N, C-alpha and C. Protein backbone atom coordinates (compact mmCIF):
# COMPACT_ATOMS: atom_id res chain seq x y z
N MET A 1 0.84 -1.22 0.04
CA MET A 1 0.09 0.07 0.03
C MET A 1 0.80 1.36 -0.03
N SER A 2 1.98 1.20 0.81
CA SER A 2 2.97 2.41 0.78
C SER A 2 3.42 2.67 -0.63
N TYR A 3 3.58 1.68 -1.38
CA TYR A 3 4.25 1.82 -2.83
C TYR A 3 3.24 2.74 -3.73
N PHE A 4 2.00 2.60 -3.56
CA PHE A 4 1.04 3.46 -4.30
C PHE A 4 1.03 4.73 -3.74
N TRP A 5 1.24 5.03 -2.47
CA TRP A 5 1.14 6.29 -1.94
C TRP A 5 2.38 7.09 -2.38
N PHE A 6 3.47 6.29 -2.39
CA PHE A 6 4.78 6.99 -2.75
C PHE A 6 4.87 7.21 -4.31
N ALA A 7 4.43 6.36 -5.08
CA ALA A 7 4.43 6.40 -6.41
C ALA A 7 3.40 7.65 -6.85
N GLY A 8 2.34 7.88 -6.14
CA GLY A 8 1.54 8.99 -6.46
C GLY A 8 2.11 10.29 -5.98
N LEU A 9 2.94 10.23 -4.91
CA LEU A 9 3.51 11.39 -4.45
C LEU A 9 4.62 11.89 -5.50
N LEU A 10 5.29 10.90 -6.01
CA LEU A 10 6.30 11.25 -7.14
C LEU A 10 5.59 11.44 -8.51
N PHE A 11 4.51 11.09 -8.70
CA PHE A 11 3.88 11.14 -9.99
C PHE A 11 3.64 12.64 -10.38
N TRP A 12 2.97 13.45 -9.38
CA TRP A 12 2.57 14.78 -9.62
C TRP A 12 3.75 15.76 -10.07
N PRO A 13 4.79 15.79 -9.30
CA PRO A 13 5.84 16.68 -9.79
C PRO A 13 6.33 16.33 -11.08
N TYR A 14 6.34 15.03 -11.45
CA TYR A 14 6.90 14.47 -12.81
C TYR A 14 5.81 14.95 -13.79
N PHE A 15 4.58 14.58 -13.52
CA PHE A 15 3.37 15.02 -14.43
C PHE A 15 3.49 16.44 -14.81
N LEU A 16 3.58 17.39 -13.77
CA LEU A 16 3.43 18.65 -13.98
C LEU A 16 4.67 19.24 -14.87
N ILE A 17 5.82 18.77 -14.66
CA ILE A 17 7.01 19.09 -15.32
C ILE A 17 6.91 18.82 -16.76
N GLN A 18 6.46 17.43 -17.07
CA GLN A 18 6.45 16.89 -18.32
C GLN A 18 5.29 17.58 -19.12
N THR A 19 4.22 17.91 -18.44
CA THR A 19 3.03 18.55 -19.11
C THR A 19 3.69 20.01 -19.61
N GLY A 20 4.19 20.64 -18.84
CA GLY A 20 4.76 22.09 -19.08
C GLY A 20 5.75 21.98 -20.22
N VAL A 21 6.68 21.15 -20.19
CA VAL A 21 7.57 20.97 -21.31
C VAL A 21 6.92 20.56 -22.58
N GLY A 22 6.03 19.64 -22.41
CA GLY A 22 5.27 19.29 -23.69
C GLY A 22 4.57 20.39 -24.28
N TYR A 23 3.86 21.20 -23.60
CA TYR A 23 3.14 22.44 -24.09
C TYR A 23 4.16 23.44 -24.65
N PHE A 24 5.30 23.74 -23.99
CA PHE A 24 6.26 24.48 -24.65
C PHE A 24 6.94 23.93 -25.91
N ARG A 25 7.21 22.55 -25.97
CA ARG A 25 7.56 22.01 -27.27
C ARG A 25 6.52 22.17 -28.41
N VAL A 26 5.37 21.85 -28.15
CA VAL A 26 4.22 21.98 -29.11
C VAL A 26 4.12 23.42 -29.61
N TYR A 27 4.15 24.40 -28.69
CA TYR A 27 4.05 25.85 -28.77
C TYR A 27 5.24 26.32 -29.75
N ALA A 28 6.37 25.91 -29.56
CA ALA A 28 7.57 26.17 -30.22
C ALA A 28 7.62 25.60 -31.61
N MET A 29 7.01 24.50 -31.68
CA MET A 29 7.02 23.63 -33.00
C MET A 29 5.95 24.22 -33.92
N ILE A 30 4.89 24.65 -33.42
CA ILE A 30 3.86 25.42 -34.24
C ILE A 30 4.23 26.70 -34.78
N ASN A 31 4.94 27.46 -33.76
CA ASN A 31 5.53 28.69 -34.24
C ASN A 31 6.59 28.60 -35.25
N GLY A 32 7.34 27.61 -35.16
CA GLY A 32 8.46 27.40 -36.19
C GLY A 32 7.88 27.09 -37.42
N LEU A 33 6.80 26.10 -37.33
CA LEU A 33 6.14 25.75 -38.70
C LEU A 33 5.53 26.86 -39.43
N LEU A 34 4.94 27.69 -38.61
CA LEU A 34 4.26 28.74 -39.31
C LEU A 34 4.93 29.96 -39.58
N GLY A 35 6.28 29.90 -39.15
CA GLY A 35 7.14 31.09 -39.34
C GLY A 35 6.96 32.33 -38.66
N SER A 36 6.25 32.16 -37.60
CA SER A 36 5.85 33.55 -36.79
C SER A 36 7.01 34.23 -36.31
N LYS A 37 6.83 35.30 -35.93
CA LYS A 37 7.99 36.31 -35.38
C LYS A 37 8.31 35.71 -33.95
N LYS A 38 7.53 35.04 -33.33
CA LYS A 38 7.89 34.55 -32.06
C LYS A 38 8.65 33.21 -32.05
N SER A 39 8.86 32.66 -33.27
CA SER A 39 9.65 31.48 -33.35
C SER A 39 11.03 31.84 -33.08
N GLY A 40 11.77 31.00 -32.35
CA GLY A 40 13.20 31.32 -31.94
C GLY A 40 14.21 30.78 -33.00
N THR A 41 15.30 31.37 -33.00
CA THR A 41 16.29 30.97 -33.91
C THR A 41 17.27 30.22 -33.11
N TRP A 42 18.15 29.32 -33.86
CA TRP A 42 19.21 28.66 -33.20
C TRP A 42 20.24 29.70 -32.57
N LYS A 43 20.57 29.38 -31.37
CA LYS A 43 21.63 30.29 -30.75
C LYS A 43 22.96 29.36 -30.87
N VAL A 44 23.98 29.82 -31.41
CA VAL A 44 25.27 29.07 -31.57
C VAL A 44 25.98 29.74 -30.47
N THR A 45 26.52 29.03 -29.54
CA THR A 45 27.41 29.42 -28.52
C THR A 45 28.73 28.82 -28.58
N LYS A 46 29.75 29.48 -28.08
CA LYS A 46 31.04 29.04 -28.20
C LYS A 46 31.30 28.14 -27.01
N LYS A 47 31.40 26.81 -27.24
CA LYS A 47 31.67 25.89 -26.03
C LYS A 47 33.05 25.47 -26.07
N PHE A 48 33.62 25.24 -27.23
CA PHE A 48 34.94 24.72 -27.29
C PHE A 48 35.78 25.69 -28.30
N GLY A 49 37.03 25.68 -28.13
CA GLY A 49 37.87 26.51 -28.93
C GLY A 49 39.03 27.14 -28.16
N LYS A 50 39.69 27.94 -28.79
CA LYS A 50 40.88 28.33 -28.08
C LYS A 50 40.56 29.91 -27.62
N GLY A 51 40.97 30.14 -26.52
CA GLY A 51 40.91 31.66 -25.99
C GLY A 51 42.19 32.44 -26.57
N GLY A 52 42.31 33.51 -25.80
CA GLY A 52 43.48 34.29 -26.32
C GLY A 52 44.83 33.71 -25.98
N LEU A 53 45.08 32.90 -25.06
CA LEU A 53 46.30 32.26 -24.68
C LEU A 53 46.34 30.81 -25.07
N GLY A 54 45.48 30.35 -26.05
CA GLY A 54 45.51 29.08 -26.47
C GLY A 54 44.98 28.07 -25.56
N LYS A 55 44.15 28.61 -24.64
CA LYS A 55 43.56 27.55 -23.68
C LYS A 55 42.13 27.26 -24.01
N ARG A 56 41.63 26.28 -23.67
CA ARG A 56 40.16 25.93 -23.80
C ARG A 56 39.25 26.79 -23.12
N THR A 57 38.20 27.21 -23.70
CA THR A 57 37.28 28.17 -23.08
C THR A 57 36.03 27.30 -22.49
N TYR A 58 35.52 27.57 -21.52
CA TYR A 58 34.48 26.86 -20.90
C TYR A 58 33.20 27.74 -20.67
N HIS A 59 32.01 27.04 -20.71
CA HIS A 59 31.07 27.95 -20.35
C HIS A 59 30.43 27.66 -18.92
N LYS A 60 29.65 28.35 -18.43
CA LYS A 60 29.20 28.21 -17.01
C LYS A 60 28.34 27.02 -17.07
N PRO A 61 28.14 26.21 -16.00
CA PRO A 61 27.37 25.06 -16.04
C PRO A 61 25.85 25.55 -16.26
N TYR A 62 25.18 24.56 -16.92
CA TYR A 62 23.79 24.94 -17.20
C TYR A 62 22.91 24.74 -15.88
N VAL A 63 22.30 25.81 -15.54
CA VAL A 63 21.62 25.91 -14.19
C VAL A 63 20.26 24.92 -14.14
N LEU A 64 19.47 24.94 -15.32
CA LEU A 64 18.24 24.23 -15.23
C LEU A 64 18.55 22.76 -15.15
N GLU A 65 19.57 22.35 -16.01
CA GLU A 65 19.94 20.81 -15.91
C GLU A 65 20.57 20.39 -14.56
N LEU A 66 21.35 21.40 -13.85
CA LEU A 66 21.82 21.08 -12.55
C LEU A 66 20.71 21.00 -11.63
N LEU A 67 19.69 21.89 -11.63
CA LEU A 67 18.39 21.75 -10.66
C LEU A 67 17.74 20.50 -10.88
N LEU A 68 17.62 20.07 -12.28
CA LEU A 68 16.91 18.85 -12.39
C LEU A 68 17.68 17.59 -12.09
N ALA A 69 18.99 17.72 -12.01
CA ALA A 69 19.72 16.53 -11.48
C ALA A 69 19.67 16.54 -9.94
N VAL A 70 19.60 17.75 -9.16
CA VAL A 70 19.36 17.61 -7.89
C VAL A 70 18.00 17.11 -7.49
N ALA A 71 17.09 17.60 -8.16
CA ALA A 71 15.64 17.08 -8.00
C ALA A 71 15.52 15.55 -8.24
N PHE A 72 16.16 15.02 -9.24
CA PHE A 72 16.14 13.54 -9.50
C PHE A 72 16.89 12.87 -8.49
N MET A 73 18.07 13.41 -7.86
CA MET A 73 18.76 12.80 -6.82
C MET A 73 17.91 12.71 -5.61
N GLY A 74 17.15 13.80 -5.20
CA GLY A 74 16.25 13.66 -4.18
C GLY A 74 15.17 12.54 -4.43
N TYR A 75 14.54 12.55 -5.56
CA TYR A 75 13.74 11.51 -5.91
C TYR A 75 14.35 10.19 -5.71
N ALA A 76 15.49 9.97 -6.17
CA ALA A 76 16.08 8.64 -6.03
C ALA A 76 16.41 8.20 -4.62
N PHE A 77 16.81 9.16 -3.76
CA PHE A 77 17.00 8.88 -2.25
C PHE A 77 15.65 8.57 -1.70
N ALA A 78 14.67 9.21 -2.05
CA ALA A 78 13.30 9.01 -1.35
C ALA A 78 12.78 7.70 -1.80
N ALA A 79 13.03 7.21 -3.06
CA ALA A 79 12.54 6.05 -3.59
C ALA A 79 13.16 4.85 -2.97
N VAL A 80 14.44 5.06 -2.63
CA VAL A 80 15.33 4.00 -2.14
C VAL A 80 14.87 3.84 -0.67
N TRP A 81 14.60 5.10 -0.03
CA TRP A 81 14.12 5.07 1.47
C TRP A 81 12.94 4.33 1.61
N TYR A 82 11.99 4.41 0.61
CA TYR A 82 10.71 3.68 0.72
C TYR A 82 10.63 2.24 0.06
N GLY A 83 11.79 1.84 -0.41
CA GLY A 83 12.08 0.52 -0.99
C GLY A 83 11.42 0.33 -2.35
N VAL A 84 11.46 1.51 -3.12
CA VAL A 84 10.86 1.47 -4.48
C VAL A 84 12.28 1.37 -5.45
N TYR A 85 13.11 0.27 -5.43
CA TYR A 85 14.40 0.20 -6.03
C TYR A 85 14.38 0.55 -7.35
N VAL A 86 13.44 0.09 -8.22
CA VAL A 86 13.39 0.35 -9.73
C VAL A 86 13.09 1.74 -10.10
N LEU A 87 12.27 2.44 -9.39
CA LEU A 87 12.23 3.83 -9.40
C LEU A 87 13.46 4.59 -9.12
N GLY A 88 13.97 4.15 -7.91
CA GLY A 88 15.24 4.85 -7.50
C GLY A 88 16.36 4.65 -8.46
N SER A 89 16.58 3.56 -9.07
CA SER A 89 17.58 3.41 -10.08
C SER A 89 17.25 4.29 -11.27
N PHE A 90 15.97 4.35 -11.71
CA PHE A 90 15.67 5.31 -12.81
C PHE A 90 16.01 6.70 -12.40
N CYS A 91 15.67 7.20 -11.29
CA CYS A 91 16.05 8.43 -10.91
C CYS A 91 17.44 8.71 -10.85
N TRP A 92 18.15 7.67 -10.32
CA TRP A 92 19.68 7.81 -10.16
C TRP A 92 20.30 8.12 -11.57
N ILE A 93 19.77 7.28 -12.50
CA ILE A 93 20.46 7.41 -13.92
C ILE A 93 19.99 8.72 -14.43
N MET A 94 18.77 9.29 -14.34
CA MET A 94 18.41 10.53 -14.71
C MET A 94 19.29 11.58 -14.09
N SER A 95 19.47 11.60 -12.85
CA SER A 95 20.24 12.55 -12.05
C SER A 95 21.74 12.70 -12.66
N TRP A 96 22.32 11.52 -12.97
CA TRP A 96 23.71 11.55 -13.57
C TRP A 96 23.64 12.02 -15.02
N THR A 97 22.45 11.71 -15.74
CA THR A 97 22.49 12.30 -17.07
C THR A 97 22.42 13.74 -17.17
N PHE A 98 21.71 14.41 -16.27
CA PHE A 98 21.48 15.73 -16.20
C PHE A 98 22.90 16.59 -15.61
N LEU A 99 23.61 15.92 -14.77
CA LEU A 99 24.77 16.26 -14.30
C LEU A 99 25.84 16.25 -15.45
N VAL A 100 25.85 15.23 -16.28
CA VAL A 100 26.82 15.22 -17.39
C VAL A 100 26.38 16.17 -18.50
N ILE A 101 25.20 16.52 -18.63
CA ILE A 101 24.69 17.64 -19.59
C ILE A 101 25.08 18.98 -18.94
N SER A 102 25.00 19.27 -17.72
CA SER A 102 25.24 20.38 -17.04
C SER A 102 26.72 20.80 -17.15
N PHE A 103 27.51 19.77 -16.74
CA PHE A 103 28.98 19.97 -16.70
C PHE A 103 29.77 19.40 -17.92
N GLY A 104 29.10 19.38 -19.14
CA GLY A 104 29.58 18.53 -20.17
C GLY A 104 31.04 19.16 -20.64
N ASP A 105 31.35 20.43 -20.69
CA ASP A 105 32.49 20.87 -21.13
C ASP A 105 33.69 20.52 -20.31
N TYR A 106 33.24 20.44 -18.87
CA TYR A 106 34.30 20.08 -17.93
C TYR A 106 34.79 18.59 -17.92
N LEU A 107 33.88 17.81 -18.41
CA LEU A 107 34.12 16.43 -18.44
C LEU A 107 34.76 15.81 -19.83
N PHE A 108 34.43 16.35 -20.84
CA PHE A 108 34.88 15.95 -22.25
C PHE A 108 35.86 16.93 -22.83
């Protein structure tokens, strides 16, 4: 019984985040297909290359991905605490994935 309570507790934050991201993606896709002025353009950022002294240049870590990594890490610890190990392992993998995305320039 505690599994259903815990799964329901973790379902709502995940559902709300994925619903918001889904709406944003559909909105951006429709604006891009229609060619409206609100459609964004690709931003090319300098991630790799040589600075003035021949050193590699880095960007700041991506904050949103870092926050998502922390959130998924919290979900993973909570899932393991309540004994839902499959959900905990999934959240642990997602946490490390977002950490790699956030600090990608420093790792590779």
